[in-house]
Amino acid sequence: MTSLQNLSITLFAVFNFLVFIFSLYQCKYKNNNLGITYPLLPLGIFVWADGVIFGLFWLGAAIVSLALNDWVLFLLIFSVFWLVRSVGETIYYFNQQFSEVKRMPGKSLPGYKIFNDEYTIWFIYQITCQVITVVSVITTVYLFNLWL
């Protein structure tokens, strides 16, 4: 690993430790478990409750990558994470589209103002997650090949 890669992963680890602490604070003391976390979306952290778990997960991934001195492994973990996360989110939004119980009303989702329809917003979220799945599959296969 180059020194820049090492520094990047170290900063990523520190950042995610702070995300974990702040997410825990938001959940435990502010009762803000489902507050949307826009700046953390690239890490798969959509709400503060996600941050408690994923902050620790990303910290662990960074520590393992640093310990093994393996940049490609770090990228592979990131790609596999998004593969699993996007498949799960696709299933979630598909179920929400046809469910009578709306855990998160479509009107509350970013993008609703563009499409102005609950059915459409669930569909848009599904296909967005499907695109992420496709990209993740391709990068996972590519990175896994490099890693071997």
N, C-alpha and C. Protein backbone atom coordinates (compact mmCIF):
# COMPACT_ATOMS: atom_id res chain seq x y z
N MET A 1 0.84 -1.17 0.00
CA MET A 1 0.00 0.00 0.00
C MET A 1 0.89 1.24 0.00
N THR A 2 0.49 2.24 -0.74
CA THR A 2 1.24 3.49 -0.75
C THR A 2 0.93 4.27 0.53
N SER A 3 1.74 5.26 0.82
CA SER A 3 1.51 6.05 2.02
C SER A 3 0.19 6.84 1.91
N LEU A 4 -0.17 7.26 0.71
CA LEU A 4 -1.43 7.97 0.52
C LEU A 4 -2.63 7.05 0.78
N GLN A 5 -2.54 5.82 0.33
CA GLN A 5 -3.61 4.85 0.58
C GLN A 5 -3.70 4.55 2.08
N ASN A 6 -2.56 4.40 2.71
CA ASN A 6 -2.51 4.15 4.15
C ASN A 6 -3.14 5.31 4.92
N LEU A 7 -2.79 6.52 4.54
CA LEU A 7 -3.36 7.70 5.18
C LEU A 7 -4.86 7.78 4.95
N SER A 8 -5.29 7.48 3.74
CA SER A 8 -6.73 7.52 3.41
C SER A 8 -7.52 6.56 4.28
N ILE A 9 -7.02 5.35 4.43
CA ILE A 9 -7.73 4.35 5.23
C ILE A 9 -7.70 4.74 6.72
N THR A 10 -6.59 5.30 7.16
CA THR A 10 -6.49 5.75 8.56
C THR A 10 -7.50 6.85 8.84
N LEU A 11 -7.58 7.83 7.95
CA LEU A 11 -8.57 8.91 8.11
C LEU A 11 -9.99 8.37 8.04
N PHE A 12 -10.21 7.40 7.17
CA PHE A 12 -11.51 6.75 7.05
C PHE A 12 -11.88 6.06 8.36
N ALA A 13 -10.91 5.40 8.98
CA ALA A 13 -11.15 4.72 10.27
C ALA A 13 -11.52 5.74 11.35
N VAL A 14 -10.75 6.82 11.44
CA VAL A 14 -11.03 7.85 12.45
C VAL A 14 -12.41 8.46 12.21
N PHE A 15 -12.70 8.79 10.96
CA PHE A 15 -14.00 9.37 10.61
C PHE A 15 -15.14 8.44 11.04
N ASN A 16 -15.00 7.16 10.75
CA ASN A 16 -16.07 6.22 11.08
C ASN A 16 -16.20 5.97 12.57
N PHE A 17 -15.11 6.09 13.30
CA PHE A 17 -15.21 6.02 14.75
C PHE A 17 -16.05 7.20 15.25
N LEU A 18 -15.81 8.38 14.69
CA LEU A 18 -16.59 9.57 15.06
C LEU A 18 -18.05 9.43 14.63
N VAL A 19 -18.28 8.83 13.46
CA VAL A 19 -19.65 8.57 13.01
C VAL A 19 -20.35 7.66 14.00
N PHE A 20 -19.67 6.61 14.43
CA PHE A 20 -20.24 5.69 15.42
C PHE A 20 -20.63 6.43 16.69
N ILE A 21 -19.72 7.23 17.23
CA ILE A 21 -19.98 7.96 18.48
C ILE A 21 -21.15 8.92 18.30
N PHE A 22 -21.15 9.70 17.21
CA PHE A 22 -22.22 10.68 17.00
C PHE A 22 -23.56 9.98 16.73
N SER A 23 -23.53 8.87 16.01
CA SER A 23 -24.76 8.11 15.74
C SER A 23 -25.33 7.55 17.03
N LEU A 24 -24.47 7.03 17.87
CA LEU A 24 -24.90 6.51 19.16
C LEU A 24 -25.55 7.62 19.99
N TYR A 25 -24.94 8.80 19.97
CA TYR A 25 -25.50 9.96 20.67
C TYR A 25 -26.88 10.32 20.11
N GLN A 26 -27.00 10.36 18.78
CA GLN A 26 -28.27 10.70 18.14
C GLN A 26 -29.37 9.70 18.52
N CYS A 27 -29.00 8.43 18.59
CA CYS A 27 -30.00 7.39 18.90
C CYS A 27 -30.34 7.36 20.39
N LYS A 28 -29.33 7.35 21.22
CA LYS A 28 -29.55 7.16 22.66
C LYS A 28 -30.09 8.41 23.36
N TYR A 29 -29.52 9.56 23.03
CA TYR A 29 -29.88 10.77 23.77
C TYR A 29 -30.85 11.70 23.04
N LYS A 30 -30.85 11.64 21.72
CA LYS A 30 -31.74 12.52 20.94
C LYS A 30 -32.97 11.77 20.42
N ASN A 31 -32.98 10.43 20.61
CA ASN A 31 -34.08 9.60 20.10
C ASN A 31 -34.35 9.89 18.62
N ASN A 32 -33.27 9.98 17.87
CA ASN A 32 -33.33 10.34 16.45
C ASN A 32 -32.87 9.15 15.59
N ASN A 33 -33.34 7.96 15.91
CA ASN A 33 -32.91 6.75 15.23
C ASN A 33 -33.09 6.81 13.72
N LEU A 34 -34.20 7.38 13.27
CA LEU A 34 -34.53 7.38 11.85
C LEU A 34 -34.29 8.73 11.17
N GLY A 35 -33.50 9.58 11.81
CA GLY A 35 -33.14 10.85 11.17
C GLY A 35 -32.26 10.60 9.96
N ILE A 36 -32.58 11.21 8.84
CA ILE A 36 -31.85 11.00 7.59
C ILE A 36 -30.45 11.62 7.71
N THR A 37 -29.45 10.92 7.16
CA THR A 37 -28.04 11.34 7.27
C THR A 37 -27.46 11.55 5.87
N TYR A 38 -27.88 12.57 5.20
CA TYR A 38 -27.49 12.81 3.81
C TYR A 38 -25.99 12.73 3.53
N PRO A 39 -25.13 13.36 4.33
CA PRO A 39 -23.69 13.30 4.00
C PRO A 39 -23.09 11.89 4.13
N LEU A 40 -23.77 11.00 4.85
CA LEU A 40 -23.22 9.67 5.09
C LEU A 40 -23.79 8.61 4.13
N LEU A 41 -24.62 9.02 3.20
CA LEU A 41 -25.23 8.07 2.26
C LEU A 41 -24.20 7.23 1.50
N PRO A 42 -23.05 7.80 1.07
CA PRO A 42 -22.07 6.96 0.35
C PRO A 42 -21.51 5.81 1.19
N LEU A 43 -21.66 5.88 2.51
CA LEU A 43 -21.20 4.81 3.38
C LEU A 43 -22.32 3.82 3.69
N GLY A 44 -23.48 4.01 3.07
CA GLY A 44 -24.63 3.14 3.33
C GLY A 44 -25.35 3.50 4.60
N ILE A 45 -25.03 4.64 5.17
CA ILE A 45 -25.64 5.09 6.42
C ILE A 45 -26.75 6.05 6.04
N PHE A 46 -27.99 5.54 6.04
CA PHE A 46 -29.14 6.33 5.61
C PHE A 46 -29.80 7.05 6.78
N VAL A 47 -29.75 6.41 7.95
CA VAL A 47 -30.32 6.99 9.17
C VAL A 47 -29.32 6.78 10.30
N TRP A 48 -29.53 7.50 11.41
CA TRP A 48 -28.56 7.44 12.50
C TRP A 48 -28.40 6.04 13.09
N ALA A 49 -29.47 5.26 13.12
CA ALA A 49 -29.34 3.89 13.64
C ALA A 49 -28.38 3.07 12.77
N ASP A 50 -28.38 3.30 11.47
CA ASP A 50 -27.40 2.64 10.59
C ASP A 50 -25.98 3.00 11.00
N GLY A 51 -25.79 4.25 11.39
CA GLY A 51 -24.46 4.74 11.73
C GLY A 51 -23.83 4.04 12.92
N VAL A 52 -24.67 3.58 13.84
CA VAL A 52 -24.15 2.86 15.01
C VAL A 52 -23.48 1.57 14.54
N ILE A 53 -24.14 0.84 13.67
CA ILE A 53 -23.62 -0.44 13.20
C ILE A 53 -22.56 -0.24 12.11
N PHE A 54 -22.88 0.54 11.11
CA PHE A 54 -21.96 0.69 9.98
C PHE A 54 -20.72 1.50 10.33
N GLY A 55 -20.83 2.41 11.29
CA GLY A 55 -19.63 3.13 11.74
C GLY A 55 -18.60 2.14 12.28
N LEU A 56 -19.07 1.19 13.09
CA LEU A 56 -18.18 0.15 13.62
C LEU A 56 -17.70 -0.79 12.51
N PHE A 57 -18.61 -1.12 11.60
CA PHE A 57 -18.23 -2.00 10.49
C PHE A 57 -17.12 -1.39 9.66
N TRP A 58 -17.28 -0.12 9.27
CA TRP A 58 -16.26 0.53 8.44
C TRP A 58 -14.95 0.72 9.22
N LEU A 59 -15.05 0.98 10.51
CA LEU A 59 -13.85 1.06 11.34
C LEU A 59 -13.12 -0.28 11.33
N GLY A 60 -13.86 -1.36 11.50
CA GLY A 60 -13.27 -2.70 11.47
C GLY A 60 -12.66 -3.03 10.11
N ALA A 61 -13.36 -2.68 9.04
CA ALA A 61 -12.84 -2.93 7.69
C ALA A 61 -11.53 -2.18 7.48
N ALA A 62 -11.47 -0.96 7.97
CA ALA A 62 -10.25 -0.16 7.83
C ALA A 62 -9.11 -0.76 8.65
N ILE A 63 -9.40 -1.19 9.85
CA ILE A 63 -8.36 -1.78 10.70
C ILE A 63 -7.81 -3.05 10.08
N VAL A 64 -8.69 -3.91 9.57
CA VAL A 64 -8.24 -5.15 8.92
C VAL A 64 -7.38 -4.83 7.70
N SER A 65 -7.83 -3.88 6.90
CA SER A 65 -7.07 -3.51 5.70
C SER A 65 -5.71 -2.93 6.04
N LEU A 66 -5.66 -2.12 7.10
CA LEU A 66 -4.38 -1.57 7.54
C LEU A 66 -3.47 -2.67 8.09
N ALA A 67 -4.05 -3.55 8.88
CA ALA A 67 -3.25 -4.64 9.48
C ALA A 67 -2.66 -5.55 8.42
N LEU A 68 -3.44 -5.79 7.37
CA LEU A 68 -2.96 -6.65 6.27
C LEU A 68 -2.23 -5.87 5.18
N ASN A 69 -2.22 -4.54 5.36
CA ASN A 69 -1.56 -3.66 4.39
C ASN A 69 -2.07 -3.93 2.97
N ASP A 70 -3.41 -3.95 2.83
CA ASP A 70 -4.03 -4.37 1.58
C ASP A 70 -5.11 -3.39 1.12
N TRP A 71 -4.74 -2.53 0.19
CA TRP A 71 -5.65 -1.54 -0.38
C TRP A 71 -6.77 -2.19 -1.19
N VAL A 72 -6.44 -3.20 -1.97
CA VAL A 72 -7.44 -3.86 -2.81
C VAL A 72 -8.49 -4.55 -1.93
N LEU A 73 -8.06 -5.13 -0.83
CA LEU A 73 -9.01 -5.74 0.10
C LEU A 73 -9.99 -4.70 0.62
N PHE A 74 -9.49 -3.52 0.95
CA PHE A 74 -10.36 -2.44 1.42
C PHE A 74 -11.40 -2.09 0.37
N LEU A 75 -10.97 -1.94 -0.88
CA LEU A 75 -11.91 -1.64 -1.96
C LEU A 75 -12.89 -2.78 -2.19
N LEU A 76 -12.41 -4.00 -2.05
CA LEU A 76 -13.27 -5.18 -2.22
C LEU A 76 -14.35 -5.22 -1.13
N ILE A 77 -13.97 -4.94 0.10
CA ILE A 77 -14.95 -4.89 1.19
C ILE A 77 -16.01 -3.84 0.90
N PHE A 78 -15.58 -2.68 0.42
CA PHE A 78 -16.51 -1.60 0.08
C PHE A 78 -17.49 -2.06 -1.00
N SER A 79 -16.96 -2.72 -2.01
CA SER A 79 -17.80 -3.18 -3.12
C SER A 79 -18.77 -4.27 -2.69
N VAL A 80 -18.30 -5.24 -1.91
CA VAL A 80 -19.18 -6.32 -1.44
C VAL A 80 -20.26 -5.75 -0.51
N PHE A 81 -19.88 -4.79 0.32
CA PHE A 81 -20.86 -4.14 1.18
C PHE A 81 -21.99 -3.55 0.35
N TRP A 82 -21.64 -2.81 -0.70
CA TRP A 82 -22.67 -2.18 -1.52
C TRP A 82 -23.48 -3.19 -2.31
N LEU A 83 -22.88 -4.30 -2.65
CA LEU A 83 -23.63 -5.36 -3.32
C LEU A 83 -24.74 -5.87 -2.39
N VAL A 84 -24.38 -6.19 -1.17
CA VAL A 84 -25.35 -6.71 -0.21
C VAL A 84 -26.37 -5.63 0.16
N ARG A 85 -25.90 -4.43 0.43
CA ARG A 85 -26.78 -3.33 0.85
C ARG A 85 -27.80 -2.99 -0.23
N SER A 86 -27.36 -2.93 -1.47
CA SER A 86 -28.27 -2.53 -2.55
C SER A 86 -29.30 -3.62 -2.85
N VAL A 87 -28.92 -4.88 -2.73
CA VAL A 87 -29.91 -5.96 -2.91
C VAL A 87 -30.97 -5.86 -1.81
N GLY A 88 -30.52 -5.65 -0.58
CA GLY A 88 -31.46 -5.51 0.53
C GLY A 88 -32.39 -4.33 0.37
N GLU A 89 -31.85 -3.21 -0.07
CA GLU A 89 -32.67 -2.01 -0.26
C GLU A 89 -33.64 -2.19 -1.43
N THR A 90 -33.23 -2.88 -2.47
CA THR A 90 -34.13 -3.16 -3.59
C THR A 90 -35.34 -3.94 -3.09
N ILE A 91 -35.09 -4.96 -2.30
CA ILE A 91 -36.18 -5.77 -1.75
C ILE A 91 -37.07 -4.93 -0.84
N TYR A 92 -36.46 -4.08 -0.02
CA TYR A 92 -37.22 -3.23 0.89
C TYR A 92 -38.16 -2.31 0.12
N TYR A 93 -37.63 -1.61 -0.88
CA TYR A 93 -38.47 -0.67 -1.63
C TYR A 93 -39.51 -1.37 -2.48
N PHE A 94 -39.20 -2.56 -2.97
CA PHE A 94 -40.20 -3.35 -3.69
C PHE A 94 -41.36 -3.69 -2.76
N ASN A 95 -41.03 -4.14 -1.56
CA ASN A 95 -42.08 -4.47 -0.59
C ASN A 95 -42.87 -3.25 -0.17
N GLN A 96 -42.22 -2.11 -0.01
CA GLN A 96 -42.93 -0.89 0.37
C GLN A 96 -43.90 -0.45 -0.72
N GLN A 97 -43.52 -0.69 -1.96
CA GLN A 97 -44.38 -0.28 -3.08
C GLN A 97 -45.75 -0.95 -2.99
N PHE A 98 -45.79 -2.20 -2.56
CA PHE A 98 -47.04 -2.95 -2.56
C PHE A 98 -47.64 -3.16 -1.18
N SER A 99 -47.01 -2.63 -0.17
CA SER A 99 -47.48 -2.82 1.20
C SER A 99 -48.52 -1.77 1.57
N GLU A 100 -49.48 -2.19 2.37
CA GLU A 100 -50.46 -1.25 2.92
C GLU A 100 -49.84 -0.43 4.06
N VAL A 101 -48.87 -1.05 4.75
CA VAL A 101 -48.19 -0.38 5.86
C VAL A 101 -46.97 0.34 5.29
N LYS A 102 -46.93 1.64 5.44
CA LYS A 102 -45.81 2.44 4.96
C LYS A 102 -44.98 2.87 6.16
N ARG A 103 -43.83 2.20 6.32
CA ARG A 103 -42.95 2.54 7.44
C ARG A 103 -42.34 3.93 7.26
N MET A 104 -42.15 4.28 6.02
CA MET A 104 -41.59 5.59 5.69
C MET A 104 -42.40 6.09 4.49
N PRO A 105 -43.34 6.99 4.73
CA PRO A 105 -44.20 7.44 3.62
C PRO A 105 -43.38 7.98 2.45
N GLY A 106 -43.80 7.64 1.25
CA GLY A 106 -43.10 8.09 0.04
C GLY A 106 -42.94 9.59 -0.02
N LYS A 107 -43.90 10.31 0.54
CA LYS A 107 -43.84 11.78 0.52
C LYS A 107 -42.66 12.32 1.31
N SER A 108 -42.13 11.51 2.23
CA SER A 108 -41.01 11.96 3.07
C SER A 108 -39.65 11.67 2.42
N LEU A 109 -39.64 10.97 1.29
CA LEU A 109 -38.38 10.58 0.67
C LEU A 109 -37.83 11.66 -0.26
N PRO A 110 -36.50 11.82 -0.26
CA PRO A 110 -35.90 12.73 -1.23
C PRO A 110 -36.25 12.27 -2.65
N GLY A 111 -36.63 13.19 -3.48
CA GLY A 111 -37.00 12.87 -4.86
C GLY A 111 -38.50 12.87 -5.07
N TYR A 112 -39.27 12.84 -3.98
CA TYR A 112 -40.73 12.82 -4.13
C TYR A 112 -41.23 14.05 -4.86
N LYS A 113 -40.63 15.20 -4.61
CA LYS A 113 -41.07 16.44 -5.25
C LYS A 113 -40.89 16.40 -6.77
N ILE A 114 -39.97 15.57 -7.24
CA ILE A 114 -39.75 15.44 -8.69
C ILE A 114 -40.86 14.59 -9.31
N PHE A 115 -41.22 13.48 -8.66
CA PHE A 115 -42.15 12.52 -9.24
C PHE A 115 -43.58 12.65 -8.75
N ASN A 116 -43.78 13.26 -7.57
CA ASN A 116 -45.11 13.55 -7.02
C ASN A 116 -46.06 12.35 -6.99
N ASP A 117 -45.52 11.18 -6.71
CA ASP A 117 -46.37 9.99 -6.70
C ASP A 117 -45.69 8.92 -5.86
N GLU A 118 -46.42 8.36 -4.89
CA GLU A 118 -45.81 7.35 -4.02
C GLU A 118 -45.40 6.10 -4.78
N TYR A 119 -46.21 5.65 -5.70
CA TYR A 119 -45.86 4.46 -6.48
C TYR A 119 -44.56 4.67 -7.24
N THR A 120 -44.43 5.83 -7.86
CA THR A 120 -43.25 6.12 -8.66
C THR A 120 -42.00 6.24 -7.80
N ILE A 121 -42.10 6.89 -6.64
CA ILE A 121 -40.91 7.08 -5.81
C ILE A 121 -40.37 5.74 -5.33
N TRP A 122 -41.26 4.78 -5.01
CA TRP A 122 -40.78 3.45 -4.61
C TRP A 122 -40.08 2.78 -5.79
N PHE A 123 -40.65 2.91 -6.98
CA PHE A 123 -40.05 2.33 -8.19
C PHE A 123 -38.69 2.95 -8.46
N ILE A 124 -38.58 4.26 -8.34
CA ILE A 124 -37.31 4.96 -8.58
C ILE A 124 -36.25 4.48 -7.59
N TYR A 125 -36.61 4.34 -6.33
CA TYR A 125 -35.65 3.85 -5.34
C TYR A 125 -35.23 2.41 -5.64
N GLN A 126 -36.19 1.59 -6.09
CA GLN A 126 -35.86 0.21 -6.47
C GLN A 126 -34.83 0.17 -7.59
N ILE A 127 -35.09 0.92 -8.66
CA ILE A 127 -34.18 0.82 -9.81
C ILE A 127 -32.84 1.49 -9.52
N THR A 128 -32.84 2.49 -8.66
CA THR A 128 -31.56 3.08 -8.25
C THR A 128 -30.72 2.03 -7.52
N CYS A 129 -31.36 1.30 -6.63
CA CYS A 129 -30.64 0.24 -5.91
C CYS A 129 -30.21 -0.88 -6.85
N GLN A 130 -31.01 -1.16 -7.87
CA GLN A 130 -30.63 -2.18 -8.85
C GLN A 130 -29.40 -1.74 -9.64
N VAL A 131 -29.32 -0.48 -9.99
CA VAL A 131 -28.14 0.04 -10.69
C VAL A 131 -26.91 -0.09 -9.79
N ILE A 132 -27.05 0.25 -8.53
CA ILE A 132 -25.95 0.11 -7.58
C ILE A 132 -25.54 -1.36 -7.47
N THR A 133 -26.51 -2.26 -7.50
CA THR A 133 -26.21 -3.69 -7.46
C THR A 133 -25.37 -4.11 -8.66
N VAL A 134 -25.76 -3.66 -9.84
CA VAL A 134 -25.01 -4.02 -11.05
C VAL A 134 -23.58 -3.51 -10.97
N VAL A 135 -23.41 -2.26 -10.61
CA VAL A 135 -22.07 -1.69 -10.49
C VAL A 135 -21.27 -2.44 -9.43
N SER A 136 -21.91 -2.78 -8.32
CA SER A 136 -21.22 -3.50 -7.25
C SER A 136 -20.81 -4.91 -7.67
N VAL A 137 -21.66 -5.59 -8.42
CA VAL A 137 -21.29 -6.93 -8.90
C VAL A 137 -20.05 -6.84 -9.79
N ILE A 138 -20.06 -5.90 -10.70
CA ILE A 138 -18.93 -5.75 -11.63
C ILE A 138 -17.65 -5.40 -10.87
N THR A 139 -17.73 -4.43 -9.96
CA THR A 139 -16.51 -4.05 -9.22
C THR A 139 -16.07 -5.16 -8.27
N THR A 140 -17.02 -5.89 -7.70
CA THR A 140 -16.66 -6.99 -6.82
C THR A 140 -15.90 -8.08 -7.58
N VAL A 141 -16.42 -8.46 -8.74
CA VAL A 141 -15.75 -9.49 -9.55
C VAL A 141 -14.37 -9.00 -9.96
N TYR A 142 -14.27 -7.76 -10.41
CA TYR A 142 -13.00 -7.20 -10.86
C TYR A 142 -11.99 -7.14 -9.70
N LEU A 143 -12.42 -6.60 -8.57
CA LEU A 143 -11.53 -6.46 -7.43
C LEU A 143 -11.15 -7.81 -6.83
N PHE A 144 -12.09 -8.74 -6.82
CA PHE A 144 -11.78 -10.07 -6.31
C PHE A 144 -10.68 -10.73 -7.17
N ASN A 145 -10.78 -10.53 -8.47
CA ASN A 145 -9.77 -11.04 -9.37
C ASN A 145 -8.39 -10.40 -9.09
N LEU A 146 -8.39 -9.10 -8.86
CA LEU A 146 -7.12 -8.41 -8.51
C LEU A 146 -6.57 -8.90 -7.18
N TRP A 147 -7.47 -9.09 -6.24
CA TRP A 147 -7.07 -9.47 -4.88
C TRP A 147 -6.42 -10.84 -4.85
N LEU A 148 -6.95 -11.76 -5.69
CA LEU A 148 -6.38 -13.09 -5.72
C LEU A 148 -4.99 -13.01 -6.31
